[in-house]
Amino acid sequence: MEPGAIRLAADVGGTFTDVAAFDEATGELKLGKALTTPQRLVSGIEHGVDKAGSRFAAARLFLHGTTVAVNTILERSGARCALLTTQGFRDIYEIGRVNRPESYNLFFKKHEPLIDRDLRFEIMERIDAQGAVLIKLDEDQVRAAVAQAVAQGVEAIAILFLHSYRNPMHEQRVREIIAQEHPHLFVSASHELSQEYREFERPSTAAANAAPATSSPPAAAAPSSASAAAGAPRVTLELADSGPVPVIDLHVDTPWRVHFKGRPATLPDGPATAAELSAGHYAGIVYPIYIPDYLHHDKPTIADAEAIYDTIDKIVQAQDLLVVATGAVAPGKVAVFVSIEGAGAFAADIEQIDRFIQRGVRLVGPAHTQDNRLSGAATGKKSYGLTDLGKRFCQRVYAAGALVDVSHMSDKAFDDLVPIAKAAGAPIIATHSNARKVQHHKRNLTDAQLRTIADTGGVAGLNLHRGFLGGGKMKDIVKMTKHMIDVAGIDHVAIGTDFEGATAAKAVDDASKMPDLAAALIKAGIADADVRKLFAKNALRVLAWTPGH
C-alpha cells in the first residue's frame, strides 16, 4: 500500500476491535479483527491495523468510533460526576420536559439521572437569552462547590448555565477555575456540546459526556510512540456531519494584534475571542507569524519570527479553549495551526525555515505586501516571480513537510511555484484570497489560478475582507463563494477570513457569525455536506499533507 493512499477506520467494541483499510488508488478493502484491550484501547487498534495488512504511516485519514462510552453510560460504571448549574435550576436535569413518552404504560419509569441530586450544585450567575450578563458569576461559590464535589470523590464536572449557547463566558470561566485548581478533573461544558436553547437537553448531553470520562484511559487517544514515529497523522480532529457546522479558518491575524498592537494574550476583545470562536463552532484556526516588511527600516529578521512565534505560544497558554494542533484534539477545543506570512527575512539563511517547520509551522508565504529577495509580491512595485533563492526556499519548505501559501505572491511567482509544487506532490494553497473575476484586485486569484490550485489538490481560502469581496453584505460573500466553487470545485475552496488583519464584511465581522454564513450558503442552494467541506474538511485535508503523502 502506497503512503497516503489509505483510509483507516477502527470500530472499538466491548469484545472486538474491527479495522478497515481502504486503498483509494486500487479500491481494495482489507479488514482486520483483534481483541479489544480495555486498559489501553489503542493497542487493540494497532493489532487490528496489523491484521488488515496496513500501517499508520500509510494513512491519509484515520477515523475511529467506539461503543465503550455508550456501554459505560448504560452500565453506569463511569466516573462519579457533579453538575454545576444556574441558581434555581438544580432539578431541571431530573424533571426533564414533563412529558410522558408512554401515556398508557402503568409501569413506565422516568429516567434515572447520571448525576445524583446531592452532587448538583447551584451557582449564582445569570445570562439572558440575548447573551447579556444579568448577574455576574460568583467565582468563590464555584471554588467552594468544586472543592465539596472533590471531597465526595468526584472525577468529572458537568457545567450547565442558562443561555450559555448564546454567551458561554461563565461556563468558560468555570472551566478555567477548575483547570487551575483541580487539573485532574474532567470538565464537560454544555456550550461546547450542544447549541439547543432548551435547558433539559444540554445538561443531559453534558452529563452523558462526563460520565465515561475515566472509562477510557489516556492511552486510548493516541498510537504508541513507535506508531507515531512511523508517520501517524499529525493531528486528528473530529468534524461532525450533523449539527452545527465546524470551522477551520486558514488565516486569523490575532498574533499581529497581540505582538504589535498591545492586545493582551487573554484576548479580551476583537473579532476572534474565545467566546466568539466557541459561538462560531471553530474546530481549528491558523495563526500567522506575520513579519511586517517595514520592521527595522524594511529589514525584518528571523529573530522577529521567533518572537512572534513565542507570542502565539502565549496566546494558546492564555486560552483554555485553544490547543496546539498535534495528536488527538479533544471535542470542544480549537486546534491552533501556525503559518508564516511574509518570509522575506529567511532570505538571510533559508535553512532556518527547517526548525520553524519542525516546531509546527504548516504554511509559509514567501512574500507579503512588498517584493523581497525570495519573491515578487502581488502588491509589489516590481514585476517578477520567484528568485533563484526563492525557488530553493520553496523546495526546502516542501521537503521539510510544510506547504507554500501563494496568497500574497505575484502572478509570476505563482507560475514559478506550480512546477515546484507538482514535483513535490504538494497541493497549492492560497489561505486568504478570493476570485479576481468577481472583484478585481491584485491580491485575488484569476480563474486560471483557481483551476491550477484545484488540479494540485489544494484550496483557496475565502477572504471576508470587504475590499476583496466587492461589498460587505451577505449577498456579496455568497456571490464570491459560489463563483469560487463553480471554478475550482467544492473540494478546493476553504475559509480564510483574515479577521484582525483587514476590514471584514459587516455581515460576518466576527467569528461568532460564521453560522449565519453557513445558513446563507445553504439557503443559496449549497448542500449542507458541501458547506461542511468548505468550512472545515477541505482545509483539514490540506493541512494534513506530508511529503510522499
Protein backbone atom coordinates (compact mmCIF):
# COMPACT_ATOMS: atom_id res chain seq x y z
CA MET A 1 0.00 0.00 0.00
CA GLU A 2 1.46 3.32 -1.09
CA PRO A 3 1.85 6.00 1.60
CA GLY A 4 -1.00 8.49 1.68
CA ALA A 5 -3.38 6.36 -0.42
CA ILE A 6 -5.01 4.64 2.55
CA ARG A 7 -8.04 5.47 4.66
CA LEU A 8 -8.07 3.69 8.02
CA ALA A 9 -11.14 3.25 10.20
CA ALA A 10 -11.48 1.45 13.52
CA ASP A 11 -14.59 0.35 15.44
CA VAL A 12 -13.76 -0.44 19.07
CA GLY A 13 -16.37 -2.65 20.70
CA GLY A 14 -16.61 -4.24 24.11
CA THR A 15 -15.09 -7.53 22.91
CA PHE A 16 -13.59 -6.99 19.47
CA THR A 17 -11.91 -4.15 17.58
CA ASP A 18 -12.54 -4.08 13.83
CA VAL A 19 -10.29 -2.20 11.42
CA ALA A 20 -10.88 -1.38 7.76
CA ALA A 21 -8.10 -0.24 5.42
CA PHE A 22 -9.31 1.19 2.10
CA ASP A 23 -6.84 1.80 -0.74
CA GLU A 24 -8.04 4.85 -2.68
CA ALA A 25 -5.83 4.05 -5.65
CA THR A 26 -6.94 0.44 -6.24
CA GLY A 27 -10.30 0.31 -4.47
CA GLU A 28 -9.07 -2.63 -2.37
CA LEU A 29 -10.62 -3.04 1.08
CA LYS A 30 -8.83 -5.08 3.75
CA LEU A 31 -10.23 -5.96 7.15
CA GLY A 32 -8.59 -6.80 10.46
CA LYS A 33 -10.16 -8.08 13.68
CA ALA A 34 -8.49 -8.10 17.11
CA LEU A 35 -9.50 -8.42 20.72
CA THR A 36 -10.32 -5.12 22.42
CA THR A 37 -7.78 -4.15 25.07
CA PRO A 38 -9.73 -2.24 27.76
CA GLN A 39 -6.73 -0.91 29.65
CA ARG A 40 -5.21 0.56 26.50
CA LEU A 41 -7.74 0.66 23.70
CA VAL A 42 -5.24 1.78 21.09
CA SER A 43 -3.33 -1.50 21.44
CA GLY A 44 -6.33 -3.32 20.01
CA ILE A 45 -6.45 -0.80 17.17
CA GLU A 46 -2.75 -1.33 16.43
CA HIS A 47 -3.27 -5.11 16.34
CA GLY A 48 -6.24 -4.65 14.01
CA VAL A 49 -4.24 -2.41 11.68
CA ASP A 50 -1.53 -5.08 11.53
CA LYS A 51 -4.07 -7.79 10.71
CA ALA A 52 -5.50 -5.59 7.95
CA GLY A 53 -2.03 -5.55 6.41
CA SER A 54 -1.66 -1.81 6.81
CA ARG A 55 0.18 0.71 8.97
CA PHE A 56 -0.43 4.16 10.35
CA ALA A 57 2.30 5.62 8.14
CA ALA A 58 0.28 4.74 5.05
CA ALA A 59 -2.85 6.53 6.22
CA ARG A 60 -4.07 9.79 4.75
CA LEU A 61 -7.10 9.65 7.03
CA PHE A 62 -7.82 7.82 10.29
CA LEU A 63 -11.35 7.58 11.70
CA HIS A 64 -12.50 5.75 14.79
CA GLY A 65 -15.69 5.03 16.65
CA THR A 66 -16.36 3.13 19.83
CA THR A 67 -19.23 1.78 21.91
CA VAL A 68 -17.12 1.99 25.06
CA ALA A 69 -18.66 5.29 26.16
CA VAL A 70 -22.22 4.10 25.46
CA ASN A 71 -21.60 0.87 27.37
CA THR A 72 -20.23 2.86 30.29
CA ILE A 73 -23.36 5.01 30.43
CA LEU A 74 -25.70 2.01 30.19
CA GLU A 75 -23.80 0.10 32.86
CA ARG A 76 -23.36 3.27 34.98
CA SER A 77 -19.79 2.23 35.53
CA GLY A 78 -18.11 5.51 34.65
CA ALA A 79 -16.81 8.48 36.57
CA ARG A 80 -18.52 9.93 39.63
CA CYS A 81 -19.84 13.26 38.33
CA ALA A 82 -21.08 16.57 39.68
CA LEU A 83 -23.18 19.24 37.95
CA LEU A 84 -22.74 22.99 38.31
CA THR A 85 -25.83 24.89 37.22
CA THR A 86 -27.52 28.29 37.48
CA GLN A 87 -29.08 29.04 40.85
CA GLY A 88 -32.69 27.84 40.94
CA PHE A 89 -32.24 25.23 38.21
CA ARG A 90 -30.77 22.33 40.15
CA ASP A 91 -33.62 19.97 39.28
CA ILE A 92 -34.20 20.64 35.57
CA TYR A 93 -31.95 17.69 34.73
CA GLU A 94 -34.24 15.37 36.70
CA ILE A 95 -37.59 17.00 35.89
CA GLY A 96 -36.89 16.79 32.17
CA ARG A 97 -39.56 18.02 29.76
CA VAL A 98 -42.55 16.89 31.90
CA ASN A 99 -43.83 14.76 29.06
CA ARG A 100 -44.77 11.08 29.34
CA PRO A 101 -43.41 9.11 26.36
CA GLU A 102 -45.70 6.13 27.07
CA SER A 103 -49.00 7.59 28.20
CA TYR A 104 -50.79 4.28 28.87
CA ASN A 105 -47.89 2.30 30.34
CA LEU A 106 -48.73 1.84 34.02
CA PHE A 107 -45.23 0.58 34.67
CA PHE A 108 -43.43 3.48 33.00
CA LYS A 109 -40.45 4.79 34.95
CA LYS A 110 -38.72 8.10 34.40
CA HIS A 111 -35.07 8.16 33.54
CA GLU A 112 -32.60 7.98 36.39
CA PRO A 113 -30.14 10.89 36.19
CA LEU A 114 -26.48 10.05 35.80
CA ILE A 115 -25.72 12.66 38.46
CA ASP A 116 -27.33 12.33 41.90
CA ARG A 117 -29.13 15.34 43.35
CA ASP A 118 -26.63 15.81 46.17
CA LEU A 119 -23.91 16.31 43.54
CA ARG A 120 -25.79 19.06 41.70
CA PHE A 121 -24.61 22.48 42.84
CA GLU A 122 -26.33 25.80 42.21
CA ILE A 123 -24.12 28.77 41.30
CA MET A 124 -25.06 32.44 41.47
CA GLU A 125 -24.91 33.74 37.87
CA ARG A 126 -27.35 34.65 35.10
CA ILE A 127 -27.15 35.41 31.40
CA ASP A 128 -30.27 36.32 29.45
CA ALA A 129 -31.47 34.90 26.15
CA GLN A 130 -29.68 37.65 24.21
CA GLY A 131 -26.35 36.85 25.90
CA ALA A 132 -26.26 39.85 28.24
CA VAL A 133 -24.92 39.28 31.77
CA LEU A 134 -27.65 39.92 34.35
CA ILE A 135 -25.80 38.50 37.37
CA LYS A 136 -22.01 38.16 37.47
CA LEU A 137 -20.52 34.74 38.12
CA ASP A 138 -19.78 34.12 41.82
CA GLU A 139 -16.31 32.62 41.46
CA ASP A 140 -15.92 31.97 45.20
CA GLN A 141 -19.09 29.90 45.12
CA VAL A 142 -17.69 27.96 42.16
CA ARG A 143 -14.50 27.18 44.05
CA ALA A 144 -16.42 26.08 47.13
CA ALA A 145 -18.76 23.84 45.15
CA VAL A 146 -15.94 22.17 43.23
CA ALA A 147 -13.95 21.61 46.43
CA GLN A 148 -17.02 19.99 48.02
CA ALA A 149 -17.50 17.79 44.97
CA VAL A 150 -13.86 16.70 45.03
CA ALA A 151 -14.20 15.83 48.73
CA GLN A 152 -17.03 13.49 47.73
CA GLY A 153 -14.83 11.67 45.23
CA VAL A 154 -15.98 13.36 42.03
CA GLU A 155 -13.84 12.71 38.94
CA ALA A 156 -15.73 14.81 36.39
CA ILE A 157 -17.70 18.07 36.38
CA ALA A 158 -20.55 18.92 34.02
CA ILE A 159 -21.48 22.60 33.62
CA LEU A 160 -24.90 23.91 32.60
CA PHE A 161 -25.61 27.63 32.84
CA LEU A 162 -28.73 29.19 31.33
CA HIS A 163 -28.32 30.57 27.82
CA SER A 164 -24.64 29.64 27.59
CA TYR A 165 -25.32 28.69 23.98
CA ARG A 166 -25.71 32.44 23.40
CA ASN A 167 -22.83 33.60 25.62
CA PRO A 168 -20.52 30.92 27.07
CA MET A 169 -18.29 33.26 29.10
CA HIS A 170 -19.42 31.98 32.52
CA GLU A 171 -19.01 28.33 31.56
CA GLN A 172 -15.60 29.12 30.11
CA ARG A 173 -14.53 30.90 33.30
CA VAL A 174 -15.61 27.94 35.44
CA ARG A 175 -13.59 25.65 33.19
CA GLU A 176 -10.56 27.90 33.72
CA ILE A 177 -11.01 27.86 37.52
CA ILE A 178 -11.25 24.08 37.60
CA ALA A 179 -8.20 23.72 35.34
CA GLN A 180 -6.19 25.97 37.66
CA GLU A 181 -7.22 24.43 40.98
CA HIS A 182 -8.21 20.83 40.12
CA PRO A 183 -6.43 19.97 36.86
CA HIS A 184 -7.12 16.24 37.31
CA LEU A 185 -10.88 16.74 36.84
CA PHE A 186 -12.55 16.12 33.51
CA VAL A 187 -14.79 19.07 32.56
CA SER A 188 -17.84 18.83 30.30
CA ALA A 189 -19.27 22.26 29.40
CA SER A 190 -22.70 22.33 27.78
CA HIS A 191 -21.93 25.10 25.28
CA GLU A 192 -19.17 23.00 23.72
CA LEU A 193 -21.51 20.09 23.09
CA SER A 194 -24.99 21.33 22.26
CA GLN A 195 -26.49 24.54 20.91
CA GLU A 196 -30.05 23.66 21.97
CA TYR A 197 -31.88 26.53 23.61
CA ARG A 198 -33.96 24.23 25.85
CA GLU A 199 -32.44 23.60 29.25
CA PHE A 200 -33.01 19.85 29.65
CA GLU A 201 -31.17 18.72 26.53
CA ARG A 202 -27.92 20.47 27.39
CA PRO A 203 -27.40 19.15 30.96
CA SER A 204 -28.31 15.67 29.70
CA THR A 205 -25.66 15.94 26.98
CA ALA A 206 -23.06 17.41 29.33
CA ALA A 207 -23.68 14.67 31.91
CA ALA A 208 -23.52 11.93 29.28
CA ASN A 209 -20.22 13.36 28.09
CA ALA A 210 -18.80 13.48 31.62
CA ALA A 211 -19.89 10.03 32.78
CA PRO A 212 -17.46 7.95 30.64
CA ALA A 213 -14.56 10.30 31.45
CA THR A 214 -12.43 7.69 33.18
CA SER A 215 -13.63 4.63 31.28
CA SER A 216 -11.11 5.14 28.50
CA PRO A 217 -7.54 5.61 29.73
CA PRO A 218 -5.45 8.42 28.18
CA ALA A 219 -3.50 5.90 26.14
CA ALA A 220 -6.67 5.27 24.14
CA ALA A 221 -6.31 8.63 22.46
CA ALA A 222 -3.03 8.16 20.62
CA PRO A 223 -0.96 5.47 18.95
CA SER A 224 2.26 4.36 20.59
CA SER A 225 5.41 6.40 20.05
CA ALA A 226 6.59 3.72 17.63
CA SER A 227 3.44 4.15 15.56
CA ALA A 228 3.77 7.92 15.69
CA ALA A 229 7.37 7.74 14.59
CA ALA A 230 6.24 5.60 11.69
CA GLY A 231 4.25 8.53 10.39
CA ALA A 232 0.82 8.64 12.02
CA PRO A 233 -1.22 11.74 11.08
CA ARG A 234 -0.04 14.86 12.92
CA VAL A 235 -3.45 15.91 14.13
CA THR A 236 -6.83 14.23 14.50
CA LEU A 237 -9.95 16.39 14.58
CA GLU A 238 -13.49 15.07 14.81
CA LEU A 239 -15.64 17.03 12.34
CA ALA A 240 -19.33 16.29 12.76
CA ASP A 241 -21.54 15.53 9.75
CA SER A 242 -24.60 16.91 11.53
CA GLY A 243 -25.41 19.67 13.99
CA PRO A 244 -23.51 22.97 13.98
CA VAL A 245 -21.11 23.40 11.05
CA PRO A 246 -17.49 23.36 12.35
CA VAL A 247 -14.95 25.88 11.06
CA ILE A 248 -11.24 25.62 10.32
CA ASP A 249 -10.09 29.14 9.50
CA LEU A 250 -6.89 29.35 7.46
CA HIS A 251 -5.97 32.91 8.42
CA VAL A 252 -6.72 34.98 11.54
CA ASP A 253 -4.23 37.75 12.38
CA THR A 254 -4.67 37.69 16.17
CA PRO A 255 -0.89 37.31 16.84
CA TRP A 256 -0.24 40.58 15.00
CA ARG A 257 -2.72 42.38 17.24
CA VAL A 258 -1.12 40.94 20.37
CA HIS A 259 2.54 41.26 19.37
CA PHE A 260 2.49 44.64 17.63
CA LYS A 261 -0.67 46.39 18.83
CA GLY A 262 -0.57 45.62 22.54
CA ARG A 263 -3.68 43.49 22.89
CA PRO A 264 -3.45 41.16 25.94
CA ALA A 265 -2.89 37.49 25.18
CA THR A 266 -6.12 36.78 27.03
CA LEU A 267 -7.92 38.36 24.05
CA PRO A 268 -10.49 40.42 25.95
CA ASP A 269 -11.80 41.92 22.72
CA GLY A 270 -11.62 41.65 18.95
CA PRO A 271 -13.48 39.57 16.35
CA ALA A 272 -11.92 36.25 17.36
CA THR A 273 -12.10 36.00 21.15
CA ALA A 274 -12.60 32.63 22.82
CA ALA A 275 -16.31 33.35 23.22
CA GLU A 276 -16.68 34.22 19.54
CA LEU A 277 -14.71 31.18 18.39
CA SER A 278 -16.96 28.96 20.52
CA ALA A 279 -20.12 30.63 19.23
CA GLY A 280 -18.82 30.21 15.67
CA HIS A 281 -18.16 26.48 16.23
CA TYR A 282 -14.47 26.77 15.42
CA ALA A 283 -12.56 23.49 15.38
CA GLY A 284 -9.27 24.89 14.08
CA ILE A 285 -7.55 28.18 13.39
CA VAL A 286 -4.33 29.17 11.65
CA TYR A 287 -2.37 31.88 13.46
CA PRO A 288 0.19 33.50 11.14
CA ILE A 289 3.65 34.65 12.13
CA TYR A 290 3.17 37.86 10.18
CA ILE A 291 6.57 39.52 9.74
CA PRO A 292 5.90 43.11 8.60
CA ASP A 293 8.05 44.28 5.73
CA TYR A 294 8.60 47.64 7.45
CA LEU A 295 10.45 46.30 10.50
CA HIS A 296 13.96 47.65 11.11
CA HIS A 297 13.74 50.04 8.17
CA ASP A 298 12.46 47.36 5.78
CA LYS A 299 14.89 44.73 7.06
CA PRO A 300 12.91 42.21 9.17
CA THR A 301 14.89 39.38 10.73
CA ILE A 302 14.45 35.72 11.59
CA ALA A 303 14.60 36.78 15.25
CA ASP A 304 11.35 38.69 14.63
CA ALA A 305 9.74 35.45 13.51
CA GLU A 306 10.92 33.72 16.69
CA ALA A 307 9.48 36.48 18.88
CA ILE A 308 6.10 36.32 17.14
CA TYR A 309 6.05 32.53 17.48
CA ASP A 310 6.57 32.99 21.22
CA THR A 311 3.59 35.34 21.23
CA ILE A 312 1.44 32.63 19.64
CA ASP A 313 2.50 30.28 22.42
CA LYS A 314 1.41 32.87 24.98
CA ILE A 315 -1.99 33.23 23.33
CA VAL A 316 -2.54 29.47 23.38
CA GLN A 317 -1.44 29.22 27.01
CA ALA A 318 -3.80 32.05 28.00
CA GLN A 319 -6.86 30.45 26.41
CA ASP A 320 -8.25 27.20 27.78
CA LEU A 321 -10.18 26.82 24.53
CA LEU A 322 -7.02 26.66 22.39
CA VAL A 323 -4.66 23.71 21.99
CA VAL A 324 -1.65 23.14 19.75
CA ALA A 325 -2.67 21.19 16.66
CA THR A 326 -0.96 17.89 17.28
CA GLY A 327 -2.24 14.42 18.13
CA ALA A 328 -5.91 13.92 19.01
CA VAL A 329 -7.70 17.19 19.71
CA ALA A 330 -10.48 16.88 22.28
CA PRO A 331 -14.01 17.87 21.21
CA GLY A 332 -14.80 21.44 22.15
CA LYS A 333 -11.20 22.59 21.76
CA VAL A 334 -9.86 24.74 18.92
CA ALA A 335 -6.71 23.37 17.28
CA VAL A 336 -4.12 26.06 16.57
CA PHE A 337 -2.00 25.69 13.44
CA VAL A 338 0.84 28.10 12.64
CA SER A 339 1.83 29.74 9.36
CA ILE A 340 4.40 32.32 8.28
CA GLU A 341 3.19 35.34 6.33
CA GLY A 342 5.96 37.26 4.61
CA ALA A 343 9.06 35.07 4.91
CA GLY A 344 11.46 37.53 3.27
CA ALA A 345 13.64 37.56 6.38
CA PHE A 346 14.58 33.94 5.69
CA ALA A 347 16.49 35.03 2.59
CA ALA A 348 19.36 35.63 5.03
CA ASP A 349 19.51 31.86 5.73
CA ILE A 350 16.89 29.67 4.10
CA GLU A 351 17.99 26.63 6.13
CA GLN A 352 16.48 28.28 9.21
CA ILE A 353 12.98 27.53 7.92
CA ASP A 354 13.55 23.86 8.79
CA ARG A 355 13.46 24.43 12.55
CA PHE A 356 10.29 26.51 12.31
CA ILE A 357 8.60 23.71 10.40
CA GLN A 358 9.87 21.17 12.93
CA ARG A 359 8.35 23.35 15.64
CA GLY A 360 4.97 23.19 13.93
CA VAL A 361 4.71 25.71 11.07
CA ARG A 362 2.44 24.22 8.40
CA LEU A 363 2.17 27.02 5.82
CA VAL A 364 4.77 29.51 4.53
CA GLY A 365 4.09 32.59 2.42
CA PRO A 366 7.33 33.86 0.82
CA ALA A 367 6.08 37.45 0.36
CA HIS A 368 3.67 39.94 1.89
CA THR A 369 2.94 43.44 0.59
CA GLN A 370 6.43 44.19 -0.74
CA ASP A 371 8.77 42.39 -3.12
CA ASN A 372 11.71 40.73 -1.39
CA ARG A 373 14.75 38.57 -2.12
CA LEU A 374 12.61 35.44 -2.31
CA SER A 375 9.59 36.50 -4.32
CA GLY A 376 7.67 39.23 -6.03
CA ALA A 377 4.53 40.32 -4.17
CA ALA A 378 1.04 40.71 -5.63
CA THR A 379 1.08 44.33 -4.47
CA GLY A 380 4.80 44.88 -5.05
CA LYS A 381 6.25 47.64 -7.21
CA LYS A 382 8.33 45.36 -9.43
CA SER A 383 7.02 42.64 -11.68
CA TYR A 384 8.98 39.46 -11.01
CA GLY A 385 8.36 35.94 -9.79
CA LEU A 386 10.34 33.63 -7.53
CA THR A 387 14.04 34.40 -7.47
CA ASP A 388 16.51 31.52 -7.74
CA LEU A 389 16.88 31.74 -3.95
CA GLY A 390 13.10 31.79 -3.62
CA LYS A 391 12.74 28.64 -5.71
CA ARG A 392 15.25 26.82 -3.50
CA PHE A 393 13.41 28.15 -0.45
CA CYS A 394 10.07 26.76 -1.67
CA GLN A 395 11.65 23.40 -2.47
CA ARG A 396 13.03 23.35 1.06
CA VAL A 397 9.63 24.19 2.56
CA TYR A 398 8.04 21.23 0.79
CA ALA A 399 10.88 18.87 1.65
CA ALA A 400 10.61 19.80 5.33
CA GLY A 401 6.89 18.99 5.36
CA ALA A 402 5.10 22.35 5.06
CA LEU A 403 3.19 24.00 2.22
CA VAL A 404 3.78 27.25 0.34
CA ASP A 405 1.00 29.85 0.67
CA VAL A 406 0.51 31.85 -2.53
CA SER A 407 -1.93 34.44 -1.16
CA HIS A 408 0.49 37.40 -1.37
CA MET A 409 2.69 36.16 -4.22
CA SER A 410 2.78 37.84 -7.62
CA ASP A 411 1.21 36.15 -10.63
CA LYS A 412 4.66 35.35 -11.98
CA ALA A 413 5.69 33.86 -8.64
CA PHE A 414 2.54 31.72 -8.70
CA ASP A 415 3.50 30.42 -12.15
CA ASP A 416 7.06 29.73 -10.95
CA LEU A 417 5.75 27.75 -7.98
CA VAL A 418 3.50 25.38 -9.94
CA PRO A 419 6.22 23.05 -11.29
CA ILE A 420 7.96 23.06 -7.89
CA ALA A 421 4.74 22.06 -6.12
CA LYS A 422 3.94 19.37 -8.67
CA ALA A 423 7.45 17.93 -8.39
CA ALA A 424 6.95 17.70 -4.61
CA GLY A 425 3.47 16.21 -4.99
CA ALA A 426 2.19 19.12 -2.90
CA PRO A 427 -1.16 20.91 -3.06
CA ILE A 428 -1.03 24.65 -3.71
CA ILE A 429 -2.83 26.69 -1.08
CA ALA A 430 -3.98 30.30 -1.02
CA THR A 431 -5.00 30.78 2.59
CA HIS A 432 -6.95 34.04 2.18
CA SER A 433 -7.59 35.05 -1.44
CA ASN A 434 -10.77 35.45 -3.48
CA ALA A 435 -11.63 35.44 -7.20
CA ARG A 436 -10.34 38.31 -9.30
CA LYS A 437 -13.14 37.90 -11.84
CA VAL A 438 -15.73 38.83 -9.22
CA GLN A 439 -13.68 41.58 -7.55
CA HIS A 440 -10.68 42.85 -9.46
CA HIS A 441 -7.79 43.12 -7.04
CA LYS A 442 -4.19 42.01 -7.43
CA ARG A 443 -4.49 40.01 -4.21
CA ASN A 444 -7.30 37.92 -5.63
CA LEU A 445 -6.81 34.89 -7.87
CA THR A 446 -7.55 34.53 -11.55
CA ASP A 447 -9.89 31.74 -12.61
CA ALA A 448 -6.90 30.01 -14.20
CA GLN A 449 -5.08 30.11 -10.87
CA LEU A 450 -8.13 28.71 -9.08
CA ARG A 451 -8.21 25.81 -11.53
CA THR A 452 -4.49 25.20 -11.07
CA ILE A 453 -4.97 25.09 -7.29
CA ALA A 454 -7.72 22.51 -7.82
CA ASP A 455 -5.53 20.47 -10.18
CA THR A 456 -2.90 20.11 -7.44
CA GLY A 457 -5.50 19.12 -4.83
CA GLY A 458 -5.15 22.42 -2.98
CA VAL A 459 -7.58 25.01 -1.65
CA ALA A 460 -8.28 28.73 -1.85
CA GLY A 461 -9.48 30.29 1.40
CA LEU A 462 -12.46 32.64 1.13
CA ASN A 463 -11.37 36.04 2.47
CA LEU A 464 -14.03 38.17 4.21
CA HIS A 465 -12.21 41.49 3.64
CA ARG A 466 -14.67 43.91 2.05
CA GLY A 467 -12.08 45.10 -0.45
CA PHE A 468 -11.60 41.58 -1.77
CA LEU A 469 -15.34 40.79 -1.87
CA GLY A 470 -16.65 43.89 -3.58
CA GLY A 471 -19.03 44.68 -0.74
CA GLY A 472 -19.85 43.95 2.88
CA LYS A 473 -23.27 42.32 2.59
CA MET A 474 -24.07 38.64 2.91
CA LYS A 475 -25.05 38.52 -0.77
CA ASP A 476 -21.51 39.67 -1.68
CA ILE A 477 -19.96 36.81 0.31
CA VAL A 478 -22.37 34.26 -1.18
CA LYS A 479 -21.69 35.52 -4.72
CA MET A 480 -17.93 35.22 -4.26
CA THR A 481 -18.21 31.79 -2.67
CA LYS A 482 -20.40 30.37 -5.42
CA HIS A 483 -18.07 31.66 -8.14
CA MET A 484 -15.03 30.11 -6.48
CA ILE A 485 -16.86 26.79 -6.12
CA ASP A 486 -18.06 26.91 -9.74
CA VAL A 487 -14.49 27.44 -10.98
CA ALA A 488 -12.37 25.34 -8.59
CA GLY A 489 -14.92 22.78 -7.40
CA ILE A 490 -16.40 22.23 -3.96
CA ASP A 491 -13.35 20.25 -2.78
CA HIS A 492 -10.99 23.16 -3.37
CA VAL A 493 -12.49 26.14 -1.56
CA ALA A 494 -11.99 26.75 2.16
CA ILE A 495 -12.28 29.58 4.70
CA GLY A 496 -9.56 32.16 5.40
CA THR A 497 -11.44 35.05 6.98
CA ASP A 498 -8.49 37.44 7.51
CA PHE A 499 -10.13 38.55 10.76
CA GLU A 500 -7.92 41.00 12.67
CA GLY A 501 -5.90 41.81 9.55
CA ALA A 502 -8.47 43.51 7.33
CA THR A 503 -11.85 45.24 7.34
CA ALA A 504 -14.33 42.39 7.49
CA ALA A 505 -17.67 42.38 5.71
CA LYS A 506 -20.31 43.78 8.02
CA ALA A 507 -22.49 40.69 7.56
CA VAL A 508 -19.80 38.45 9.06
CA ASP A 509 -17.48 40.73 11.01
CA ASP A 510 -16.54 38.32 13.77
CA ALA A 511 -16.14 34.60 14.30
CA SER A 512 -19.49 34.19 16.07
CA LYS A 513 -21.31 34.99 12.82
CA MET A 514 -19.91 32.06 10.84
CA PRO A 515 -23.13 30.06 11.44
CA ASP A 516 -25.00 32.91 9.71
CA LEU A 517 -22.76 32.46 6.66
CA ALA A 518 -23.32 28.69 6.69
CA ALA A 519 -27.08 29.24 6.78
CA ALA A 520 -26.90 31.77 3.94
CA LEU A 521 -24.91 29.39 1.74
CA ILE A 522 -27.33 26.54 2.39
CA LYS A 523 -30.24 28.87 1.58
CA ALA A 524 -28.43 29.78 -1.67
CA GLY A 525 -28.52 26.13 -2.73
CA ILE A 526 -25.21 24.73 -1.48
CA ALA A 527 -25.77 21.37 0.20
CA ASP A 528 -25.12 21.03 3.93
CA ALA A 529 -22.44 18.39 3.26
CA ASP A 530 -20.70 20.74 0.83
CA VAL A 531 -20.79 23.63 3.31
CA ARG A 532 -19.04 21.34 5.80
CA LYS A 533 -16.32 20.71 3.22
CA LEU A 534 -15.97 24.43 2.58
CA PHE A 535 -15.93 25.36 6.28
CA ALA A 536 -13.52 22.71 7.58
CA LYS A 537 -12.95 19.43 5.78
CA ASN A 538 -11.11 20.82 2.77
CA ALA A 539 -8.75 22.81 4.97
CA LEU A 540 -8.05 19.85 7.23
CA ARG A 541 -7.23 17.65 4.25
CA VAL A 542 -4.59 20.10 3.03
CA LEU A 543 -3.18 20.82 6.50
CA ALA A 544 -2.64 17.08 6.94
CA TRP A 545 -0.35 16.88 3.90
CA THR A 546 3.15 15.48 4.37
CA PRO A 547 5.87 14.73 1.78
CA GLY A 548 5.14 11.50 -0.06
CA HIS A 549 1.53 11.50 1.14
